[in-house]
C-alpha atoms as a PDB file:
ATOM      1  CA  MET A   1      45.331   8.293 -45.849  1.00  0.00           C
ATOM      2  CA  PRO A   2      49.054   9.734 -45.701  1.00  0.00           C
ATOM      3  CA  ARG A   3      50.919   9.947 -49.070  1.00  0.00           C
ATOM      4  CA  LYS A   4      53.386   7.301 -49.878  1.00  0.00           C
ATOM      5  CA  ALA A   5      56.956   8.661 -50.097  1.00  0.00           C
ATOM      6  CA  ARG A   6      58.437   8.935 -53.649  1.00  0.00           C
ATOM      7  CA  ILE A   7      60.509   6.023 -54.649  1.00  0.00           C
ATOM      8  CA  ASP A   8      64.016   7.041 -56.316  1.00  0.00           C
ATOM      9  CA  ALA A   9      67.558   6.036 -57.105  1.00  0.00           C
ATOM     10  CA  PRO A  10      70.084   6.808 -59.536  1.00  0.00           C
ATOM     11  CA  GLY A  11      69.420   5.274 -62.860  1.00  0.00           C
ATOM     12  CA  ALA A  12      65.453   5.056 -62.020  1.00  0.00           C
ATOM     13  CA  LEU A  13      63.135   5.510 -65.092  1.00  0.00           C
ATOM     14  CA  HIS A  14      60.129   8.151 -64.156  1.00  0.00           C
ATOM     15  CA  HIS A  15      57.241   9.038 -66.072  1.00  0.00           C
ATOM     16  CA  ILE A  16      56.545  12.709 -64.590  1.00  0.00           C
ATOM     17  CA  ILE A  17      53.115  14.278 -64.765  1.00  0.00           C
ATOM     18  CA  ILE A  18      52.781  17.975 -63.768  1.00  0.00           C
ATOM     19  CA  ARG A  19      49.268  19.398 -63.564  1.00  0.00           C
ATOM     20  CA  GLY A  20      47.897  22.990 -62.973  1.00  0.00           C
ATOM     21  CA  ILE A  21      46.212  23.532 -59.730  1.00  0.00           C
ATOM     22  CA  GLU A  22      42.368  22.835 -60.117  1.00  0.00           C
ATOM     23  CA  ARG A  23      43.205  22.338 -63.799  1.00  0.00           C
ATOM     24  CA  MET A  24      44.098  26.056 -64.526  1.00  0.00           C
ATOM     25  CA  VAL A  25      46.121  26.863 -67.759  1.00  0.00           C
ATOM     26  CA  ILE A  26      50.033  26.894 -66.995  1.00  0.00           C
ATOM     27  CA  PHE A  27      51.079  27.882 -70.418  1.00  0.00           C
ATOM     28  CA  LYS A  28      49.275  31.275 -71.583  1.00  0.00           C
ATOM     29  CA  ASP A  29      51.232  32.088 -74.784  1.00  0.00           C
ATOM     30  CA  SER A  30      54.779  31.048 -76.580  1.00  0.00           C
ATOM     31  CA  GLN A  31      56.716  32.997 -74.170  1.00  0.00           C
ATOM     32  CA  ASP A  32      55.458  30.868 -71.293  1.00  0.00           C
ATOM     33  CA  TYR A  33      56.305  27.568 -73.309  1.00  0.00           C
ATOM     34  CA  SER A  34      59.723  28.977 -74.125  1.00  0.00           C
ATOM     35  CA  ASN A  35      60.545  29.842 -70.164  1.00  0.00           C
ATOM     36  CA  PHE A  36      59.691  26.389 -69.040  1.00  0.00           C
ATOM     37  CA  LEU A  37      61.725  24.628 -72.075  1.00  0.00           C
ATOM     38  CA  ASN A  38      64.560  26.977 -71.338  1.00  0.00           C
ATOM     39  CA  ARG A  39      64.332  26.091 -67.661  1.00  0.00           C
ATOM     40  CA  LEU A  40      63.742  22.525 -68.324  1.00  0.00           C
ATOM     41  CA  LYS A  41      67.041  22.541 -70.375  1.00  0.00           C
ATOM     42  CA  ASN A  42      69.155  24.388 -67.798  1.00  0.00           C
ATOM     43  CA  VAL A  43      67.932  22.050 -65.105  1.00  0.00           C
ATOM     44  CA  LEU A  44      68.245  18.777 -66.585  1.00  0.00           C
ATOM     45  CA  THR A  45      71.958  19.830 -68.166  1.00  0.00           C
ATOM     46  CA  GLU A  46      73.186  21.133 -64.945  1.00  0.00           C
ATOM     47  CA  THR A  47      72.003  17.967 -63.244  1.00  0.00           C
ATOM     48  CA  LYS A  48      73.046  15.551 -65.891  1.00  0.00           C
ATOM     49  CA  THR A  49      69.662  14.072 -66.055  1.00  0.00           C
ATOM     50  CA  PRO A  50      68.839  12.394 -69.280  1.00  0.00           C
ATOM     51  CA  CYS A  51      65.387  12.913 -70.709  1.00  0.00           C
ATOM     52  CA  PHE A  52      63.753  10.565 -73.353  1.00  0.00           C
ATOM     53  CA  ALA A  53      60.138  12.014 -74.053  1.00  0.00           C
ATOM     54  CA  TRP A  54      58.133  15.192 -73.322  1.00  0.00           C
ATOM     55  CA  ALA A  55      54.997  17.142 -74.132  1.00  0.00           C
ATOM     56  CA  LEU A  56      53.857  20.290 -72.997  1.00  0.00           C
ATOM     57  CA  MET A  57      50.005  20.800 -72.942  1.00  0.00           C
ATOM     58  CA  THR A  58      48.037  23.953 -71.969  1.00  0.00           C
ATOM     59  CA  ASN A  59      47.332  22.889 -68.600  1.00  0.00           C
ATOM     60  CA  HIS A  60      49.478  19.736 -67.796  1.00  0.00           C
ATOM     61  CA  THR A  61      52.928  18.299 -69.063  1.00  0.00           C
ATOM     62  CA  HIS A  62      54.447  14.892 -69.365  1.00  0.00           C
ATOM     63  CA  ILE A  63      58.169  14.235 -69.210  1.00  0.00           C
ATOM     64  CA  LEU A  64      59.960  11.023 -69.357  1.00  0.00           C
ATOM     65  CA  LEU A  65      63.405  10.806 -67.471  1.00  0.00           C
ATOM     66  CA  ARG A  66      66.137   8.956 -65.845  1.00  0.00           C
ATOM     67  CA  THR A  67      67.329   9.932 -62.314  1.00  0.00           C
ATOM     68  CA  GLY A  68      71.035  10.946 -62.352  1.00  0.00           C
ATOM     69  CA  TYR A  69      72.988  11.423 -59.200  1.00  0.00           C
ATOM     70  CA  VAL A  70      70.788  14.305 -58.392  1.00  0.00           C
ATOM     71  CA  PRO A  71      67.393  13.118 -56.699  1.00  0.00           C
ATOM     72  CA  LEU A  72      64.371  13.801 -58.756  1.00  0.00           C
ATOM     73  CA  SER A  73      62.713  15.664 -56.180  1.00  0.00           C
ATOM     74  CA  THR A  74      65.683  18.241 -56.564  1.00  0.00           C
ATOM     75  CA  VAL A  75      65.479  18.369 -60.094  1.00  0.00           C
ATOM     76  CA  MET A  76      61.576  18.821 -60.030  1.00  0.00           C
ATOM     77  CA  ARG A  77      61.722  21.664 -57.320  1.00  0.00           C
ATOM     78  CA  ARG A  78      64.300  23.478 -59.244  1.00  0.00           C
ATOM     79  CA  LEU A  79      62.393  23.525 -62.228  1.00  0.00           C
ATOM     80  CA  LEU A  80      58.814  23.992 -60.904  1.00  0.00           C
ATOM     81  CA  THR A  81      59.529  26.767 -58.317  1.00  0.00           C
ATOM     82  CA  GLY A  82      61.723  28.626 -60.792  1.00  0.00           C
ATOM     83  CA  TYR A  83      58.917  28.454 -63.525  1.00  0.00           C
ATOM     84  CA  ALA A  84      55.882  29.334 -61.073  1.00  0.00           C
ATOM     85  CA  GLN A  85      57.786  32.486 -59.861  1.00  0.00           C
ATOM     86  CA  GLN A  86      58.446  33.510 -63.490  1.00  0.00           C
ATOM     87  CA  PHE A  87      54.766  32.911 -64.531  1.00  0.00           C
ATOM     88  CA  ASN A  88      53.165  34.706 -61.568  1.00  0.00           C
ATOM     89  CA  ARG A  89      55.373  37.780 -62.343  1.00  0.00           C
ATOM     90  CA  ARG A  90      54.622  37.807 -66.088  1.00  0.00           C
ATOM     91  CA  HIS A  91      50.851  37.364 -65.566  1.00  0.00           C
ATOM     92  CA  ARG A  92      50.860  39.553 -62.236  1.00  0.00           C
ATOM     93  CA  ARG A  93      49.098  36.818 -60.148  1.00  0.00           C
ATOM     94  CA  HIS A  94      49.691  35.169 -56.781  1.00  0.00           C
ATOM     95  CA  GLY A  95      49.345  31.678 -55.395  1.00  0.00           C
ATOM     96  CA  GLN A  96      50.132  28.192 -56.419  1.00  0.00           C
ATOM     97  CA  LEU A  97      50.463  27.532 -60.112  1.00  0.00           C
ATOM     98  CA  PHE A  98      50.805  23.743 -59.779  1.00  0.00           C
ATOM     99  CA  GLN A  99      49.017  20.746 -57.979  1.00  0.00           C
ATOM    100  CA  ASN A 100      50.563  20.275 -54.251  1.00  0.00           C
ATOM    101  CA  ARG A 101      52.640  17.279 -55.837  1.00  0.00           C
ATOM    102  CA  PHE A 102      53.935  16.261 -59.039  1.00  0.00           C
ATOM    103  CA  LYS A 103      52.925  12.672 -59.942  1.00  0.00           C
ATOM    104  CA  SER A 104      56.011  10.345 -60.544  1.00  0.00           C
ATOM    105  CA  ILE A 105      55.745   6.978 -61.757  1.00  0.00           C
ATOM    106  CA  LEU A 106      58.910   4.751 -61.449  1.00  0.00           C
ATOM    107  CA  CYS A 107      58.908   2.637 -64.546  1.00  0.00           C
ATOM    108  CA  GLU A 108      60.400  -0.621 -65.725  1.00  0.00           C
ATOM    109  CA  GLN A 109      62.475  -0.209 -68.558  1.00  0.00           C
ATOM    110  CA  GLU A 110      61.605  -3.267 -70.574  1.00  0.00           C
ATOM    111  CA  PRO A 111      58.896  -3.287 -72.030  1.00  0.00           C
ATOM    112  CA  TYR A 112      57.712   0.160 -71.036  1.00  0.00           C
ATOM    113  CA  LEU A 113      60.303   2.861 -72.373  1.00  0.00           C
ATOM    114  CA  LEU A 114      59.293   2.984 -75.705  1.00  0.00           C
ATOM    115  CA  GLU A 115      55.509   2.606 -74.881  1.00  0.00           C
ATOM    116  CA  LEU A 116      55.753   5.490 -72.622  1.00  0.00           C
ATOM    117  CA  VAL A 117      57.803   7.609 -75.619  1.00  0.00           C
ATOM    118  CA  ARG A 118      55.087   6.783 -77.766  1.00  0.00           C
ATOM    119  CA  TYR A 119      52.217   7.591 -75.444  1.00  0.00           C
ATOM    120  CA  ILE A 120      53.792  10.911 -74.390  1.00  0.00           C
ATOM    121  CA  HIS A 121      54.375  12.004 -77.641  1.00  0.00           C
ATOM    122  CA  LEU A 122      50.684  11.184 -78.789  1.00  0.00           C
ATOM    123  CA  ASN A 123      49.440  13.587 -76.205  1.00  0.00           C
ATOM    124  CA  PRO A 124      48.993  16.516 -78.446  1.00  0.00           C
ATOM    125  CA  LEU A 125      47.204  14.783 -80.754  1.00  0.00           C
ATOM    126  CA  ARG A 126      45.018  12.910 -78.560  1.00  0.00           C
ATOM    127  CA  ALA A 127      43.942  16.154 -76.931  1.00  0.00           C
ATOM    128  CA  GLY A 128      43.319  17.609 -80.175  1.00  0.00           C
ATOM    129  CA  ILE A 129      45.900  20.329 -80.094  1.00  0.00           C
ATOM    130  CA  VAL A 130      47.349  19.062 -83.396  1.00  0.00           C
ATOM    131  CA  LYS A 131      44.850  17.357 -85.713  1.00  0.00           C
ATOM    132  CA  ASP A 132      47.220  14.508 -87.415  1.00  0.00           C
ATOM    133  CA  LEU A 133      50.572  12.932 -87.381  1.00  0.00           C
ATOM    134  CA  LYS A 134      51.987  15.355 -89.879  1.00  0.00           C
ATOM    135  CA  ALA A 135      50.987  18.487 -87.754  1.00  0.00           C
ATOM    136  CA  LEU A 136      52.336  16.311 -84.553  1.00  0.00           C
ATOM    137  CA  LYS A 137      55.776  16.185 -86.342  1.00  0.00           C
ATOM    138  CA  THR A 138      56.307  19.809 -86.649  1.00  0.00           C
ATOM    139  CA  TYR A 139      54.594  20.663 -82.804  1.00  0.00           C
ATOM    140  CA  PRO A 140      57.364  22.778 -81.271  1.00  0.00           C
ATOM    141  CA  TYR A 141      56.421  21.714 -77.752  1.00  0.00           C
ATOM    142  CA  SER A 142      56.630  18.058 -77.838  1.00  0.00           C
ATOM    143  CA  GLY A 143      59.890  15.726 -78.204  1.00  0.00           C
ATOM    144  CA  HIS A 144      58.424  13.869 -81.035  1.00  0.00           C
ATOM    145  CA  SER A 145      59.382  16.669 -83.639  1.00  0.00           C
ATOM    146  CA  VAL A 146      63.056  16.609 -82.147  1.00  0.00           C
ATOM    147  CA  ILE A 147      63.313  12.785 -82.779  1.00  0.00           C
ATOM    148  CA  MET A 148      61.914  13.362 -86.107  1.00  0.00           C
ATOM    149  CA  GLY A 149      64.554  15.713 -86.891  1.00  0.00           C
ATOM    150  CA  GLU A 150      62.301  18.898 -87.441  1.00  0.00           C
ATOM    151  CA  LEU A 151      63.455  20.595 -84.363  1.00  0.00           C
ATOM    152  CA  LYS A 152      66.757  20.231 -82.357  1.00  0.00           C
ATOM    153  CA  ASN A 153      67.760  20.542 -78.591  1.00  0.00           C
ATOM    154  CA  ASP A 154      70.898  19.162 -76.871  1.00  0.00           C
ATOM    155  CA  TRP A 155      69.101  17.809 -73.714  1.00  0.00           C
ATOM    156  CA  GLN A 156      66.835  15.378 -75.151  1.00  0.00           C
ATOM    157  CA  HIS A 157      68.440  11.979 -75.586  1.00  0.00           C
ATOM    158  CA  VAL A 158      67.104  11.240 -79.237  1.00  0.00           C
ATOM    159  CA  ASP A 159      69.932   8.908 -80.239  1.00  0.00           C
ATOM    160  CA  TYR A 160      69.319   6.468 -77.452  1.00  0.00           C
ATOM    161  CA  ILE A 161      65.839   6.010 -78.595  1.00  0.00           C
ATOM    162  CA  LEU A 162      66.425   6.131 -82.335  1.00  0.00           C
ATOM    163  CA  LYS A 163      69.166   3.356 -81.978  1.00  0.00           C
ATOM    164  CA  MET A 164      66.268   0.961 -80.805  1.00  0.00           C
ATOM    165  CA  PHE A 165      64.688   1.291 -84.283  1.00  0.00           C
ATOM    166  CA  GLY A 166      67.829   0.926 -86.429  1.00  0.00           C
ATOM    167  CA  LYS A 167      71.502   1.721 -87.038  1.00  0.00           C
ATOM    168  CA  LYS A 168      70.842   4.300 -89.916  1.00  0.00           C
ATOM    169  CA  VAL A 169      69.144   7.468 -88.778  1.00  0.00           C
ATOM    170  CA  GLY A 170      66.901   7.868 -91.667  1.00  0.00           C
ATOM    171  CA  TYR A 171      65.720   4.147 -91.409  1.00  0.00           C
ATOM    172  CA  ALA A 172      65.305   4.588 -87.375  1.00  0.00           C
ATOM    173  CA  ARG A 173      63.338   7.669 -87.943  1.00  0.00           C
ATOM    174  CA  ARG A 174      60.889   5.953 -90.402  1.00  0.00           C
ATOM    175  CA  SER A 175      60.329   2.917 -88.004  1.00  0.00           C
ATOM    176  CA  TYR A 176      59.776   5.031 -84.914  1.00  0.00           C
ATOM    177  CA  ALA A 177      57.069   7.058 -87.023  1.00  0.00           C
ATOM    178  CA  ALA A 178      55.376   3.926 -87.756  1.00  0.00           C
ATOM    179  CA  PHE A 179      55.577   2.827 -84.288  1.00  0.00           C
ATOM    180  CA  VAL A 180      53.922   5.922 -82.991  1.00  0.00           C
ATOM    181  CA  ALA A 181      51.424   5.882 -85.810  1.00  0.00           C
ATOM    182  CA  LYS A 182      50.185   2.418 -84.480  1.00  0.00           C
ATOM    183  CA  GLY A 183      49.699   3.788 -81.091  1.00  0.00           C
ATOM    184  CA  ILE A 184      46.510   6.241 -82.334  1.00  0.00           C
ATOM    185  CA  ASP A 185      44.128   3.421 -82.162  1.00  0.00           C
ATOM    186  CA  LEU A 186      45.218   2.357 -78.566  1.00  0.00           C
ATOM    187  CA  GLY A 187      43.754   5.547 -77.279  1.00  0.00           C
ATOM    188  CA  ARG A 188      44.304   6.715 -73.594  1.00  0.00           C
ATOM    189  CA  ARG A 189      46.415   4.236 -71.621  1.00  0.00           C
ATOM    190  CA  PRO A 190      45.077   4.140 -67.805  1.00  0.00           C
ATOM    191  CA  ASP A 191      47.385   0.979 -67.395  1.00  0.00           C
ATOM    192  CA  LEU A 192      50.484   3.462 -68.259  1.00  0.00           C
ATOM    193  CA  THR A 193      49.242   6.367 -65.818  1.00  0.00           C
ATOM    194  CA  GLY A 194      46.939   5.176 -63.458  1.00  0.00           C
ATOM    195  CA  GLY A 195      44.779   2.303 -62.373  1.00  0.00           C
ATOM    196  CA  GLY A 196      47.280   1.342 -59.319  1.00  0.00           C
ATOM    197  CA  LEU A 197      47.401  -2.466 -59.295  1.00  0.00           C
ATOM    198  CA  ILE A 198      46.672  -2.736 -62.939  1.00  0.00           C
ATOM    199  CA  ARG A 199      49.276  -0.684 -63.638  1.00  0.00           C
ATOM    200  CA  SER A 200      51.901  -1.956 -61.512  1.00  0.00           C
ATOM    201  CA  VAL A 201      51.821  -5.436 -62.867  1.00  0.00           C
ATOM    202  CA  GLY A 202      51.622  -4.545 -66.543  1.00  0.00           C
ATOM    203  CA  GLY A 203      47.950  -3.877 -67.428  1.00  0.00           C
ATOM    204  CA  TRP A 204      44.962  -6.087 -67.384  1.00  0.00           C
ATOM    205  CA  SER A 205      46.272  -9.069 -69.702  1.00  0.00           C
ATOM    206  CA  ALA A 206      49.153  -9.390 -67.207  1.00  0.00           C
ATOM    207  CA  LEU A 207      46.850  -9.050 -64.112  1.00  0.00           C
ATOM    208  CA  LYS A 208      44.677 -11.572 -65.398  1.00  0.00           C
ATOM    209  CA  ALA A 209      47.471 -14.090 -66.213  1.00  0.00           C
ATOM    210  CA  LEU A 210      49.061 -13.900 -62.757  1.00  0.00           C
ATOM    211  CA  ARG A 211      45.497 -14.599 -61.387  1.00  0.00           C
ATOM    212  CA  SER A 212      44.658 -17.397 -63.494  1.00  0.00           C
ATOM    213  CA  LYS A 213      47.937 -19.020 -62.466  1.00  0.00           C
ATOM    214  CA  ALA A 214      47.517 -18.310 -58.977  1.00  0.00           C
ATOM    215  CA  SER A 215      50.790 -16.241 -58.889  1.00  0.00           C
ATOM    216  CA  ARG A 216      51.610 -13.797 -56.007  1.00  0.00           C
ATOM    217  CA  ILE A 217      50.713 -10.236 -56.991  1.00  0.00           C
ATOM    218  CA  MET A 218      52.784  -7.394 -55.958  1.00  0.00           C
ATOM    219  CA  GLY A 219      51.420  -4.128 -57.014  1.00  0.00           C
ATOM    220  CA  ASP A 220      52.118  -0.385 -56.012  1.00  0.00           C
ATOM    221  CA  GLU A 221      50.490   2.867 -57.421  1.00  0.00           C
ATOM    222  CA  ARG A 222      53.955   4.273 -57.700  1.00  0.00           C
ATOM    223  CA  ILE A 223      55.457   1.903 -60.041  1.00  0.00           C
ATOM    224  CA  LEU A 224      55.089   0.507 -63.542  1.00  0.00           C
ATOM    225  CA  GLY A 225      56.212  -2.661 -64.187  1.00  0.00           C
ATOM    226  CA  SER A 226      56.116  -6.504 -63.561  1.00  0.00           C
ATOM    227  CA  SER A 227      55.063  -8.000 -60.079  1.00  0.00           C
ATOM    228  CA  ASP A 228      58.831  -9.259 -59.639  1.00  0.00           C
ATOM    229  CA  PHE A 229      60.022  -5.525 -60.669  1.00  0.00           C
ATOM    230  CA  VAL A 230      57.522  -4.151 -58.129  1.00  0.00           C
ATOM    231  CA  ALA A 231      58.686  -6.314 -55.223  1.00  0.00           C
ATOM    232  CA  ALA A 232      62.348  -5.904 -55.932  1.00  0.00           C
ATOM    233  CA  VAL A 233      61.683  -1.938 -55.956  1.00  0.00           C
ATOM    234  CA  LEU A 234      59.888  -2.212 -52.892  1.00  0.00           C
ATOM    235  CA  LYS A 235      62.397  -4.328 -50.920  1.00  0.00           C
ATOM    236  CA  GLN A 236      65.136  -1.936 -51.867  1.00  0.00           C
ATOM    237  CA  ALA A 237      63.375   1.320 -50.868  1.00  0.00           C
ATOM    238  CA  ASN A 238      62.375  -0.366 -47.559  1.00  0.00           C
ATOM    239  CA  GLU A 239      65.835  -1.204 -46.809  1.00  0.00           C
ATOM    240  CA  ASP A 240      66.823   2.154 -47.476  1.00  0.00           C
ATOM    241  CA  TYR A 241      64.184   3.701 -45.431  1.00  0.00           C
ATOM    242  CA  GLU A 242      64.618   1.184 -42.203  1.00  0.00           C
ATOM    243  CA  GLY A 243      68.472   2.321 -42.484  1.00  0.00           C
ATOM    244  CA  LYS A 244      67.733   5.798 -42.278  1.00  0.00           C
ATOM    245  CA  THR A 245      65.366   5.368 -39.534  1.00  0.00           C
ATOM    246  CA  LEU A 246      67.468   3.439 -37.600  1.00  0.00           C
ATOM    247  CA  ALA A 247      70.485   5.767 -37.942  1.00  0.00           C
ATOM    248  CA  ILE A 248      68.288   8.821 -36.985  1.00  0.00           C
ATOM    249  CA  ALA A 249      66.656   7.063 -33.804  1.00  0.00           C
ATOM    250  CA  LYS A 250      70.366   6.329 -32.900  1.00  0.00           C
ATOM    251  CA  GLY A 251      71.000   9.829 -32.868  1.00  0.00           C
ATOM    252  CA  LEU A 252      73.913   9.874 -35.085  1.00  0.00           C
ATOM    253  CA  ASP A 253      75.334  13.100 -35.853  1.00  0.00           C
ATOM    254  CA  ILE A 254      77.552  14.880 -37.994  1.00  0.00           C
ATOM    255  CA  ASP A 255      80.553  14.066 -35.644  1.00  0.00           C
ATOM    256  CA  PHE A 256      79.943  10.406 -35.892  1.00  0.00           C
ATOM    257  CA  VAL A 257      79.826  10.526 -39.582  1.00  0.00           C
ATOM    258  CA  VAL A 258      83.012  12.660 -39.946  1.00  0.00           C
ATOM    259  CA  LYS A 259      84.832   9.963 -37.350  1.00  0.00           C
ATOM    260  CA  GLU A 260      83.744   7.093 -39.730  1.00  0.00           C
ATOM    261  CA  VAL A 261      84.584   8.923 -42.766  1.00  0.00           C
ATOM    262  CA  SER A 262      87.986   9.802 -41.400  1.00  0.00           C
ATOM    263  CA  LYS A 263      88.491   6.134 -40.310  1.00  0.00           C
ATOM    264  CA  TYR A 264      87.733   4.682 -43.626  1.00  0.00           C
ATOM    265  CA  PHE A 265      90.275   6.975 -45.468  1.00  0.00           C
ATOM    266  CA  ASP A 266      92.902   6.769 -42.702  1.00  0.00           C
ATOM    267  CA  ILE A 267      93.071  10.414 -41.984  1.00  0.00           C
ATOM    268  CA  LYS A 268      92.329  12.925 -39.154  1.00  0.00           C
ATOM    269  CA  PRO A 269      88.841  13.987 -38.301  1.00  0.00           C
ATOM    270  CA  GLU A 270      90.036  17.696 -38.164  1.00  0.00           C
ATOM    271  CA  PHE A 271      91.041  17.333 -41.847  1.00  0.00           C
ATOM    272  CA  ILE A 272      87.675  16.796 -43.052  1.00  0.00           C
ATOM    273  CA  LYS A 273      86.586  19.844 -41.021  1.00  0.00           C
ATOM    274  CA  GLY A 274      87.741  22.784 -43.066  1.00  0.00           C
ATOM    275  CA  ALA A 275      88.126  23.789 -46.679  1.00  0.00           C
ATOM    276  CA  GLY A 276      91.402  22.070 -47.576  1.00  0.00           C
ATOM    277  CA  LYS A 277      91.610  21.266 -51.474  1.00  0.00           C
ATOM    278  CA  HIS A 278      93.944  17.921 -50.963  1.00  0.00           C
ATOM    279  CA  ARG A 279      91.996  15.450 -53.139  1.00  0.00           C
ATOM    280  CA  LYS A 280      91.709  12.900 -50.241  1.00  0.00           C
ATOM    281  CA  MET A 281      90.349  15.322 -48.004  1.00  0.00           C
ATOM    282  CA  SER A 282      88.017  16.826 -50.290  1.00  0.00           C
ATOM    283  CA  LYS A 283      86.681  13.379 -51.289  1.00  0.00           C
ATOM    284  CA  ALA A 284      86.249  12.357 -47.713  1.00  0.00           C
ATOM    285  CA  ARG A 285      84.436  15.927 -46.877  1.00  0.00           C
ATOM    286  CA  SER A 286      82.079  15.135 -49.951  1.00  0.00           C
ATOM    287  CA  ILE A 287      81.254  11.959 -48.749  1.00  0.00           C
ATOM    288  CA  ALA A 288      80.533  13.246 -45.272  1.00  0.00           C
ATOM    289  CA  CYS A 289      78.324  15.816 -46.754  1.00  0.00           C
ATOM    290  CA  PHE A 290      76.511  13.123 -48.514  1.00  0.00           C
ATOM    291  CA  LEU A 291      75.881  10.844 -45.663  1.00  0.00           C
ATOM    292  CA  ALA A 292      75.058  13.661 -43.117  1.00  0.00           C
ATOM    293  CA  VAL A 293      72.453  15.503 -45.384  1.00  0.00           C
ATOM    294  CA  GLU A 294      70.718  12.711 -47.429  1.00  0.00           C
ATOM    295  CA  LYS A 295      71.171   9.703 -44.882  1.00  0.00           C
ATOM    296  CA  LEU A 296      70.764  11.281 -41.567  1.00  0.00           C
ATOM    297  CA  SER A 297      68.484  14.345 -42.791  1.00  0.00           C
ATOM    298  CA  ILE A 298      70.968  16.779 -41.214  1.00  0.00           C
ATOM    299  CA  GLY A 299      70.266  20.334 -42.508  1.00  0.00           C
ATOM    300  CA  GLY A 300      73.033  21.855 -44.881  1.00  0.00           C
ATOM    301  CA  ARG A 301      73.491  24.973 -42.726  1.00  0.00           C
ATOM    302  CA  GLU A 302      74.312  22.888 -39.730  1.00  0.00           C
ATOM    303  CA  VAL A 303      76.752  20.504 -41.807  1.00  0.00           C
ATOM    304  CA  ALA A 304      78.309  23.937 -42.864  1.00  0.00           C
ATOM    305  CA  ARG A 305      78.690  25.140 -39.312  1.00  0.00           C
ATOM    306  CA  VAL A 306      80.395  21.988 -37.935  1.00  0.00           C
ATOM    307  CA  LEU A 307      82.670  21.642 -41.292  1.00  0.00           C
ATOM    308  CA  SER A 308      83.631  25.168 -41.390  1.00  0.00           C
ATOM    309  CA  ILE A 309      82.558  25.551 -44.953  1.00  0.00           C
ATOM    310  CA  SER A 310      79.791  27.600 -46.774  1.00  0.00           C
ATOM    311  CA  PRO A 311      76.186  26.148 -47.245  1.00  0.00           C
ATOM    312  CA  SER A 312      76.822  26.320 -51.009  1.00  0.00           C
ATOM    313  CA  ALA A 313      80.093  24.082 -50.532  1.00  0.00           C
ATOM    314  CA  VAL A 314      77.946  21.661 -48.634  1.00  0.00           C
ATOM    315  CA  SER A 315      75.465  21.557 -51.738  1.00  0.00           C
ATOM    316  CA  LYS A 316      78.249  21.034 -54.374  1.00  0.00           C
ATOM    317  CA  ALA A 317      79.897  18.443 -51.779  1.00  0.00           C
ATOM    318  CA  VAL A 318      76.525  16.429 -51.541  1.00  0.00           C
ATOM    319  CA  ILE A 319      76.409  15.914 -55.335  1.00  0.00           C
ATOM    320  CA  ARG A 320      80.132  14.934 -55.612  1.00  0.00           C
ATOM    321  CA  GLY A 321      79.532  12.505 -52.635  1.00  0.00           C
ATOM    322  CA  ARG A 322      76.274  10.986 -54.041  1.00  0.00           C
ATOM    323  CA  SER A 323      78.269  10.029 -57.202  1.00  0.00           C
ATOM    324  CA  ASP A 324      80.979   8.235 -55.192  1.00  0.00           C
ATOM    325  CA  ASN A 325      80.920   4.483 -54.923  1.00  0.00           C
ATOM    326  CA  HIS A 326      82.576   4.927 -51.362  1.00  0.00           C
ATOM    327  CA  SER A 327      79.432   6.695 -49.932  1.00  0.00           C
ATOM    328  CA  GLU A 328      77.448   3.479 -50.055  1.00  0.00           C
ATOM    329  CA  LEU A 329      80.091   1.338 -48.819  1.00  0.00           C
ATOM    330  CA  ILE A 330      80.789   3.818 -45.858  1.00  0.00           C
ATOM    331  CA  TRP A 331      76.847   3.705 -45.114  1.00  0.00           C
ATOM    332  CA  LYS A 332      76.818   0.148 -44.878  1.00  0.00           C
ATOM    333  CA  GLU A 333      79.658   0.043 -42.677  1.00  0.00           C
ATOM    334  CA  ILE A 334      77.832   2.615 -40.286  1.00  0.00           C
ATOM    335  CA  LEU A 335      74.657   0.677 -40.478  1.00  0.00           C
ATOM    336  CA  LYS A 336      76.882  -2.647 -39.209  1.00  0.00           C
ATOM    337  CA  ILE A 337      78.016  -0.651 -36.423  1.00  0.00           C
ATOM    338  CA  ILE A 338      74.653   0.564 -35.244  1.00  0.00           C
ATOM    339  CA  SER A 339      72.740  -2.501 -36.105  1.00  0.00           C
END
């Protein structure tokens, strides 16, 4: 059975699980941990991707983050490819380090954000890496120690979590610590990380309630949330997929995109094809690059050739175009034209 496509969008909350291939160790010593964390810091900072929780184990890792304007697949590719190459060089090995595909679960923020922060940060304790909460508080390879103020980093969104427990930092930390402590007896949580339908309707209790009421049940293994949340996410994902498929089937190319973008901004198409620095031209060029690369799946090198700019300039333009609200407006107009 073919794998389902990932579901992602700016603002989406994701629980990421990374495992070593055939359960092999992915961190052999403190230098490996340090290398991974430095790379994670750089990637999250450069892509402006918020991170709320993380825990590094010997053969797997959990990360809770919210997608910014850089797609999740791009963020993870930069993180994992770079680390795997570094790991292989250090330990004189060849071949894959991670399982073929990292696991990502799109999560409904309420009520799962704090549940996931607790679940992820308790992983070292459940695995026996640390013996108790006191040891977990100073464990250097988990975001729990950062929230508790024992360690510092500037890429984990600690304040965002603490504000949910109180206005004053000291009180918030004590409340957070008590919340985490209550999670120990809950043990492993298959409803948060596995279970397909069970997970995507909010666990066994929610599933039983829906069935007892003869309610419509919508589930998907890629999603953690209520039935309504799952339905809404799948609807949007399906609309995005259908739009891209239709555009590609119609044979739209970069020239068509340039024409429509230039029409929207009331400029000549040739102004987009070049490296002009005028704000309006640069904005139009960024949107054209974004639509061509991400909506029509046209290669960056081809876009660079047609627009007479470098491939690296295309990559930067795609990021700018992704964060521009006009991009989706123009895309909707294009879909109206070809529908």
